C-alpha cells in the first residue's frame, strides 16, 4: 500500500494514508513558511522591546516631574 497519495488539484500536497493527514511536500513553500514565521517572531520581539522602552521612559519622566515638583515646593 502506498503511504502518500497525491491530493487532487494541489501539486505540493499529499495525504498520509496511515494518519489521513494532508502533508505539504513542497520544500520551497515550507522554507517560505518558516521564513514568514521567523519574521513574525522577530517583529513581535521588537514590538515587546519597544513597549518596554516606552514604559521605562514614562517611569523616568514621572520621576523627573516628581523631582521638579519637590524642588518647586522647596523654593
C-alpha atoms as a PDB file:
ATOM      1  CA  UNK A   1       0.000   0.000   0.000  1.00  0.00           C
ATOM      2  CA  UNK A   2       1.272   3.454  -0.901  1.00  0.00           C
ATOM      3  CA  UNK A   3       1.959   5.693   2.126  1.00  0.00           C
ATOM      4  CA  UNK A   4       1.310   9.029   0.369  1.00  0.00           C
ATOM      5  CA  UNK A   5      -1.461   9.753  -2.108  1.00  0.00           C
ATOM      6  CA  UNK A   6      -1.353  12.992  -4.123  1.00  0.00           C
ATOM      7  CA  UNK A   7      -4.135  15.452  -3.301  1.00  0.00           C
ATOM      8  CA  UNK A   8      -6.107  16.162  -6.430  1.00  0.00           C
ATOM      9  CA  UNK A   9      -5.756  19.753  -7.617  1.00  0.00           C
ATOM     10  CA  UNK A  10      -2.850  20.549  -5.255  1.00  0.00           C
ATOM     11  CA  UNK A  11       0.587  19.749  -6.662  1.00  0.00           C
ATOM     12  CA  UNK A  12       2.566  20.143  -3.422  1.00  0.00           C
ATOM     13  CA  UNK A  13       0.185  18.258  -1.128  1.00  0.00           C
ATOM     14  CA  UNK A  14      -0.129  14.548  -0.341  1.00  0.00           C
ATOM     15  CA  UNK A  15      -2.320  12.580   2.055  1.00  0.00           C
ATOM     16  CA  UNK A  16      -0.585  10.288   4.535  1.00  0.00           C
ATOM     17  CA  UNK A  17      -2.585   7.063   4.387  1.00  0.00           C
ATOM     18  CA  UNK A  18      -1.607   5.957   7.894  1.00  0.00           C
ATOM     19  CA  UNK A  19      -2.773   9.161   9.645  1.00  0.00           C
ATOM     20  CA  UNK A  20      -5.105  10.578   6.988  1.00  0.00           C
ATOM     21  CA  UNK A  21      -3.328  13.948   7.374  1.00  0.00           C
ATOM     22  CA  UNK A  22      -2.517  16.238   4.480  1.00  0.00           C
ATOM     23  CA  UNK A  23       1.215  16.931   4.215  1.00  0.00           C
ATOM     24  CA  UNK A  24       2.943  19.718   2.285  1.00  0.00           C
ATOM     25  CA  UNK A  25       5.914  18.249   0.425  1.00  0.00           C
ATOM     26  CA  UNK A  26       6.825  21.414  -1.484  1.00  0.00           C
ATOM     27  CA  UNK A  27      10.198  22.360   0.029  1.00  0.00           C
ATOM     28  CA  UNK A  28      10.068  25.929  -1.326  1.00  0.00           C
ATOM     29  CA  UNK A  29       6.693  26.582   0.324  1.00  0.00           C
ATOM     30  CA  UNK A  30       7.909  25.037   3.575  1.00  0.00           C
ATOM     31  CA  UNK A  31      11.018  27.232   3.652  1.00  0.00           C
ATOM     32  CA  UNK A  32       8.933  30.324   2.854  1.00  0.00           C
ATOM     33  CA  UNK A  33       6.514  29.486   5.671  1.00  0.00           C
ATOM     34  CA  UNK A  34       9.442  29.077   8.097  1.00  0.00           C
ATOM     35  CA  UNK A  35      10.863  32.426   6.957  1.00  0.00           C
ATOM     36  CA  UNK A  36       7.494  34.171   7.465  1.00  0.00           C
ATOM     37  CA  UNK A  37       7.176  32.645  10.930  1.00  0.00           C
ATOM     38  CA  UNK A  38      10.679  33.782  11.882  1.00  0.00           C
ATOM     39  CA  UNK A  39       9.933  37.312  10.637  1.00  0.00           C
ATOM     40  CA  UNK A  40       6.695  37.365  12.655  1.00  0.00           C
ATOM     41  CA  UNK A  41       8.531  36.218  15.792  1.00  0.00           C
ATOM     42  CA  UNK A  42      11.220  38.882  15.303  1.00  0.00           C
ATOM     43  CA  UNK A  43       8.584  41.570  14.759  1.00  0.00           C
ATOM     44  CA  UNK A  44       6.738  40.538  17.940  1.00  0.00           C
ATOM     45  CA  UNK A  45      10.026  40.588  19.882  1.00  0.00           C
ATOM     46  CA  UNK A  46      10.873  44.059  18.559  1.00  0.00           C
ATOM     47  CA  UNK A  47       7.385  45.293  19.448  1.00  0.00           C
ATOM     48  CA  UNK A  48       7.700  43.987  23.018  1.00  0.00           C
ATOM     49  CA  UNK A  49      11.105  45.661  23.343  1.00  0.00           C
ATOM     50  CA  UNK A  50       9.658  48.933  22.040  1.00  0.00           C
ATOM     51  CA  UNK A  51       6.778  48.782  24.535  1.00  0.00           C
ATOM     52  CA  UNK A  52       9.231  48.092  27.367  1.00  0.00           C
ATOM     53  CA  UNK A  53      11.336  51.095  26.351  1.00  0.00           C
ATOM     54  CA  UNK A  54       8.269  53.362  26.222  1.00  0.00           C
ATOM     55  CA  UNK A  55       7.153  52.143  29.650  1.00  0.00           C
ATOM     56  CA  UNK A  56      10.626  52.843  31.022  1.00  0.00           C
ATOM     57  CA  UNK A  57      10.606  56.351  29.532  1.00  0.00           C
ATOM     58  CA  UNK A  58       7.198  57.039  31.091  1.00  0.00           C
ATOM     59  CA  UNK A  59       8.508  55.986  34.504  1.00  0.00           C
ATOM     60  CA  UNK A  60      11.590  58.190  34.121  1.00  0.00           C
ATOM     61  CA  UNK A  61       9.504  61.188  33.026  1.00  0.00           C
ATOM     62  CA  UNK A  62       7.220  60.745  36.034  1.00  0.00           C
ATOM     63  CA  UNK A  63      10.252  60.566  38.307  1.00  0.00           C
ATOM     64  CA  UNK A  64      11.641  63.787  36.783  1.00  0.00           C
ATOM     65  CA  UNK A  65       8.259  65.501  37.225  1.00  0.00           C
ATOM     66  CA  UNK A  66       8.140  64.444  40.873  1.00  0.00           C
ATOM     67  CA  UNK A  67      11.669  65.730  41.453  1.00  0.00           C
ATOM     68  CA  UNK A  68      10.814  69.059  39.797  1.00  0.00           C
ATOM     69  CA  UNK A  69       7.662  69.369  41.912  1.00  0.00           C
ATOM     70  CA  UNK A  70       9.736  68.726  45.039  1.00  0.00           C
ATOM     71  CA  UNK A  71      12.224  71.426  44.005  1.00  0.00           C
ATOM     72  CA  UNK A  72       9.434  73.922  43.276  1.00  0.00           C
ATOM     73  CA  UNK A  73       7.805  73.244  46.651  1.00  0.00           C
ATOM     74  CA  UNK A  74      11.061  73.944  48.487  1.00  0.00           C
ATOM     75  CA  UNK A  75      11.577  77.297  46.749  1.00  0.00           C
END
